[in-house]
Amino acid sequence: MKLRPLGDRVVIKRVEAEETTKGGIILTASAKEKPQMAEVIAAGPGGVIDGHEVKMELKVGDKVLFSKYSGNEIKFEGEEFIILSQREILAVVEK
């Protein structure tokens, strides 16, 4: 099965959290914060949302930053994902 978001929504998956600090200290699972960086797994088609034309600026594979409390966390086929609106994405990480 596959997730296909509707409207201006995107499905993202968190990237793995760092296991050590820059100073070399190893973090335990309870000390790690959930990362706020994720990869876009699927993006909706955009379209007219609440009377406004929404153009999707995100595409599958983009690395993005998002707010800690945004979106809805779901489990799908044993994996954790977040579904949120494109407007809840704070930035795209470019290399």
N, C-alpha and C. Protein backbone atom coordinates (compact mmCIF):
# COMPACT_ATOMS: atom_id res chain seq x y z
N MET A 1 0.84 -1.19 0.00
CA MET A 1 0.00 0.00 0.00
C MET A 1 0.88 1.24 0.00
N LYS A 2 0.26 2.36 -0.34
CA LYS A 2 0.99 3.61 -0.46
C LYS A 2 0.13 4.75 0.10
N LEU A 3 0.76 5.72 0.76
CA LEU A 3 0.05 6.89 1.25
C LEU A 3 0.03 7.95 0.15
N ARG A 4 -1.15 8.51 -0.12
CA ARG A 4 -1.28 9.57 -1.11
C ARG A 4 -2.04 10.73 -0.45
N PRO A 5 -1.30 11.78 -0.04
CA PRO A 5 -1.96 12.89 0.63
C PRO A 5 -2.85 13.69 -0.31
N LEU A 6 -3.84 14.35 0.25
CA LEU A 6 -4.79 15.13 -0.53
C LEU A 6 -4.49 16.63 -0.38
N GLY A 7 -4.93 17.40 -1.35
CA GLY A 7 -4.80 18.86 -1.28
C GLY A 7 -3.36 19.32 -1.12
N ASP A 8 -3.14 20.18 -0.11
CA ASP A 8 -1.81 20.75 0.11
C ASP A 8 -1.04 20.02 1.21
N ARG A 9 -1.40 18.77 1.47
CA ARG A 9 -0.73 18.03 2.54
C ARG A 9 0.48 17.27 2.02
N VAL A 10 1.42 17.02 2.94
CA VAL A 10 2.60 16.22 2.62
C VAL A 10 2.77 15.16 3.69
N VAL A 11 3.37 14.04 3.32
CA VAL A 11 3.72 12.99 4.26
C VAL A 11 5.24 13.06 4.43
N ILE A 12 5.69 13.17 5.69
CA ILE A 12 7.12 13.25 5.95
C ILE A 12 7.53 12.16 6.93
N LYS A 13 8.80 11.82 6.89
CA LYS A 13 9.36 10.84 7.82
C LYS A 13 10.60 11.47 8.45
N ARG A 14 10.64 11.45 9.78
CA ARG A 14 11.77 12.05 10.49
C ARG A 14 13.08 11.38 10.10
N VAL A 15 14.15 12.18 10.05
CA VAL A 15 15.48 11.61 9.86
C VAL A 15 15.95 11.12 11.22
N GLU A 16 16.91 10.21 11.23
CA GLU A 16 17.40 9.65 12.48
C GLU A 16 18.05 10.71 13.34
N ALA A 17 17.84 10.62 14.66
CA ALA A 17 18.43 11.56 15.61
C ALA A 17 19.92 11.26 15.79
N GLU A 18 20.67 12.31 16.08
CA GLU A 18 22.10 12.15 16.33
C GLU A 18 22.31 11.33 17.61
N GLU A 19 23.26 10.44 17.58
CA GLU A 19 23.54 9.61 18.75
C GLU A 19 24.65 10.18 19.61
N THR A 20 25.44 11.12 19.06
CA THR A 20 26.50 11.76 19.83
C THR A 20 26.44 13.26 19.61
N THR A 21 26.92 14.02 20.59
CA THR A 21 26.99 15.47 20.44
C THR A 21 28.23 15.82 19.65
N LYS A 22 28.36 17.09 19.28
CA LYS A 22 29.55 17.54 18.55
C LYS A 22 30.81 17.33 19.40
N GLY A 23 30.66 17.37 20.72
CA GLY A 23 31.80 17.16 21.63
C GLY A 23 32.12 15.69 21.85
N GLY A 24 31.34 14.78 21.25
CA GLY A 24 31.62 13.35 21.36
C GLY A 24 30.89 12.64 22.48
N ILE A 25 29.97 13.31 23.17
CA ILE A 25 29.21 12.68 24.25
C ILE A 25 28.11 11.82 23.64
N ILE A 26 28.03 10.57 24.06
CA ILE A 26 27.01 9.64 23.55
C ILE A 26 25.71 9.87 24.31
N LEU A 27 24.62 10.05 23.56
CA LEU A 27 23.32 10.31 24.17
C LEU A 27 22.53 9.02 24.35
N THR A 28 21.84 8.91 25.48
CA THR A 28 20.93 7.78 25.68
C THR A 28 19.63 8.07 24.96
N ALA A 29 18.81 7.08 24.79
CA ALA A 29 17.54 7.25 24.07
C ALA A 29 16.66 8.30 24.73
N SER A 30 16.65 8.37 26.07
CA SER A 30 15.80 9.32 26.76
C SER A 30 16.32 10.75 26.64
N ALA A 31 17.61 10.94 26.38
CA ALA A 31 18.20 12.27 26.28
C ALA A 31 18.07 12.86 24.88
N LYS A 32 17.76 12.03 23.91
CA LYS A 32 17.65 12.50 22.53
C LYS A 32 16.33 13.22 22.32
N GLU A 33 16.39 14.35 21.64
CA GLU A 33 15.16 15.02 21.22
C GLU A 33 14.75 14.48 19.87
N LYS A 34 13.47 14.44 19.62
CA LYS A 34 13.02 14.03 18.30
C LYS A 34 13.51 15.07 17.31
N PRO A 35 14.07 14.65 16.20
CA PRO A 35 14.57 15.63 15.23
C PRO A 35 13.41 16.37 14.57
N GLN A 36 13.69 17.61 14.19
CA GLN A 36 12.70 18.41 13.50
C GLN A 36 13.04 18.53 12.02
N MET A 37 13.87 17.59 11.56
CA MET A 37 14.19 17.51 10.14
C MET A 37 13.59 16.21 9.63
N ALA A 38 13.04 16.27 8.42
CA ALA A 38 12.40 15.09 7.86
C ALA A 38 12.57 15.09 6.35
N GLU A 39 12.23 13.94 5.77
CA GLU A 39 12.24 13.80 4.32
C GLU A 39 10.81 13.68 3.83
N VAL A 40 10.51 14.36 2.74
CA VAL A 40 9.17 14.29 2.15
C VAL A 40 9.03 12.93 1.45
N ILE A 41 8.04 12.16 1.87
CA ILE A 41 7.76 10.83 1.32
C ILE A 41 6.71 10.91 0.21
N ALA A 42 5.74 11.81 0.37
CA ALA A 42 4.69 11.99 -0.63
C ALA A 42 4.13 13.40 -0.51
N ALA A 43 3.69 13.97 -1.62
CA ALA A 43 3.11 15.32 -1.63
C ALA A 43 1.80 15.31 -2.40
N GLY A 44 0.83 16.05 -1.87
CA GLY A 44 -0.46 16.16 -2.53
C GLY A 44 -0.37 16.98 -3.80
N PRO A 45 -1.48 17.07 -4.54
CA PRO A 45 -1.47 17.77 -5.82
C PRO A 45 -1.61 19.29 -5.72
N GLY A 46 -1.95 19.81 -4.54
CA GLY A 46 -2.23 21.24 -4.43
C GLY A 46 -3.65 21.49 -4.90
N GLY A 47 -3.88 22.63 -5.55
CA GLY A 47 -5.21 22.94 -6.05
C GLY A 47 -5.83 24.08 -5.27
N VAL A 48 -7.14 24.19 -5.32
CA VAL A 48 -7.86 25.24 -4.62
C VAL A 48 -8.17 24.76 -3.20
N ILE A 49 -7.57 25.45 -2.22
CA ILE A 49 -7.76 25.11 -0.82
C ILE A 49 -8.37 26.33 -0.13
N ASP A 50 -9.54 26.18 0.46
CA ASP A 50 -10.25 27.29 1.12
C ASP A 50 -10.38 28.51 0.21
N GLY A 51 -10.64 28.30 -1.06
CA GLY A 51 -10.84 29.38 -2.01
C GLY A 51 -9.58 30.01 -2.58
N HIS A 52 -8.40 29.50 -2.20
CA HIS A 52 -7.13 30.04 -2.71
C HIS A 52 -6.39 28.96 -3.49
N GLU A 53 -5.77 29.37 -4.59
CA GLU A 53 -4.97 28.45 -5.39
C GLU A 53 -3.67 28.15 -4.64
N VAL A 54 -3.38 26.88 -4.41
CA VAL A 54 -2.15 26.48 -3.71
C VAL A 54 -1.30 25.69 -4.68
N LYS A 55 -0.08 26.18 -4.92
CA LYS A 55 0.88 25.50 -5.78
C LYS A 55 1.83 24.72 -4.86
N MET A 56 2.00 23.44 -5.12
CA MET A 56 2.89 22.63 -4.29
C MET A 56 4.34 22.97 -4.63
N GLU A 57 5.08 23.38 -3.60
CA GLU A 57 6.49 23.73 -3.77
C GLU A 57 7.40 22.60 -3.31
N LEU A 58 6.84 21.60 -2.65
CA LEU A 58 7.63 20.48 -2.13
C LEU A 58 7.50 19.28 -3.05
N LYS A 59 8.57 18.49 -3.08
CA LYS A 59 8.52 17.27 -3.89
C LYS A 59 9.13 16.13 -3.08
N VAL A 60 8.85 14.92 -3.49
CA VAL A 60 9.38 13.73 -2.82
C VAL A 60 10.90 13.81 -2.80
N GLY A 61 11.47 13.52 -1.62
CA GLY A 61 12.92 13.54 -1.47
C GLY A 61 13.46 14.81 -0.84
N ASP A 62 12.65 15.90 -0.80
CA ASP A 62 13.10 17.14 -0.16
C ASP A 62 13.35 16.90 1.32
N LYS A 63 14.41 17.50 1.85
CA LYS A 63 14.66 17.50 3.30
C LYS A 63 14.08 18.81 3.82
N VAL A 64 13.25 18.73 4.86
CA VAL A 64 12.54 19.90 5.37
C VAL A 64 12.68 20.03 6.88
N LEU A 65 12.48 21.25 7.36
CA LEU A 65 12.39 21.53 8.79
C LEU A 65 10.95 21.86 9.11
N PHE A 66 10.47 21.37 10.26
CA PHE A 66 9.08 21.62 10.63
C PHE A 66 9.00 21.91 12.12
N SER A 67 7.93 22.54 12.54
CA SER A 67 7.71 22.89 13.93
C SER A 67 7.48 21.63 14.77
N LYS A 68 7.95 21.66 15.99
CA LYS A 68 7.90 20.51 16.88
C LYS A 68 6.48 19.95 17.06
N TYR A 69 5.48 20.82 17.11
CA TYR A 69 4.12 20.38 17.42
C TYR A 69 3.18 20.42 16.22
N SER A 70 3.71 20.46 15.02
CA SER A 70 2.83 20.53 13.85
C SER A 70 2.51 19.14 13.31
N GLY A 71 1.43 19.06 12.58
CA GLY A 71 1.05 17.83 11.90
C GLY A 71 0.43 16.78 12.79
N ASN A 72 0.11 15.66 12.16
CA ASN A 72 -0.48 14.51 12.85
C ASN A 72 0.43 13.31 12.67
N GLU A 73 0.88 12.74 13.78
CA GLU A 73 1.74 11.56 13.72
C GLU A 73 0.87 10.33 13.50
N ILE A 74 1.30 9.48 12.57
CA ILE A 74 0.55 8.25 12.29
C ILE A 74 1.54 7.09 12.19
N LYS A 75 1.03 5.88 12.37
CA LYS A 75 1.78 4.67 12.09
C LYS A 75 1.13 4.01 10.90
N PHE A 76 1.95 3.64 9.92
CA PHE A 76 1.44 3.01 8.70
C PHE A 76 2.40 1.91 8.32
N GLU A 77 1.90 0.70 8.27
CA GLU A 77 2.70 -0.48 7.94
C GLU A 77 3.97 -0.56 8.78
N GLY A 78 3.81 -0.28 10.09
CA GLY A 78 4.92 -0.43 11.03
C GLY A 78 5.91 0.72 11.07
N GLU A 79 5.69 1.78 10.29
CA GLU A 79 6.59 2.93 10.30
C GLU A 79 5.84 4.17 10.74
N GLU A 80 6.59 5.13 11.33
CA GLU A 80 5.98 6.37 11.81
C GLU A 80 6.16 7.47 10.77
N PHE A 81 5.06 8.18 10.50
CA PHE A 81 5.06 9.28 9.56
C PHE A 81 4.33 10.46 10.19
N ILE A 82 4.49 11.63 9.58
CA ILE A 82 3.74 12.82 9.99
C ILE A 82 3.06 13.35 8.73
N ILE A 83 1.78 13.65 8.86
CA ILE A 83 1.04 14.27 7.76
C ILE A 83 0.74 15.70 8.19
N LEU A 84 1.14 16.65 7.35
CA LEU A 84 0.90 18.05 7.66
C LEU A 84 0.70 18.85 6.40
N SER A 85 0.21 20.06 6.57
CA SER A 85 -0.02 20.95 5.45
C SER A 85 1.31 21.55 5.00
N GLN A 86 1.40 21.85 3.72
CA GLN A 86 2.62 22.47 3.19
C GLN A 86 2.96 23.76 3.94
N ARG A 87 1.95 24.51 4.36
CA ARG A 87 2.21 25.78 5.05
C ARG A 87 2.81 25.59 6.45
N GLU A 88 2.77 24.35 6.98
CA GLU A 88 3.38 24.07 8.28
C GLU A 88 4.88 23.75 8.17
N ILE A 89 5.38 23.59 6.94
CA ILE A 89 6.80 23.37 6.73
C ILE A 89 7.52 24.71 6.87
N LEU A 90 8.59 24.74 7.69
CA LEU A 90 9.29 26.00 7.94
C LEU A 90 10.32 26.32 6.87
N ALA A 91 11.03 25.28 6.36
CA ALA A 91 12.09 25.53 5.39
C ALA A 91 12.46 24.23 4.69
N VAL A 92 13.04 24.38 3.50
CA VAL A 92 13.62 23.26 2.77
C VAL A 92 15.13 23.35 2.96
N VAL A 93 15.76 22.24 3.32
CA VAL A 93 17.21 22.20 3.52
C VAL A 93 17.86 21.90 2.18
N GLU A 94 18.68 22.82 1.72
CA GLU A 94 19.36 22.64 0.43
C GLU A 94 20.84 22.46 0.67
N LYS A 95 21.48 21.66 -0.19
CA LYS A 95 22.92 21.43 -0.06
C LYS A 95 23.68 22.32 -0.98
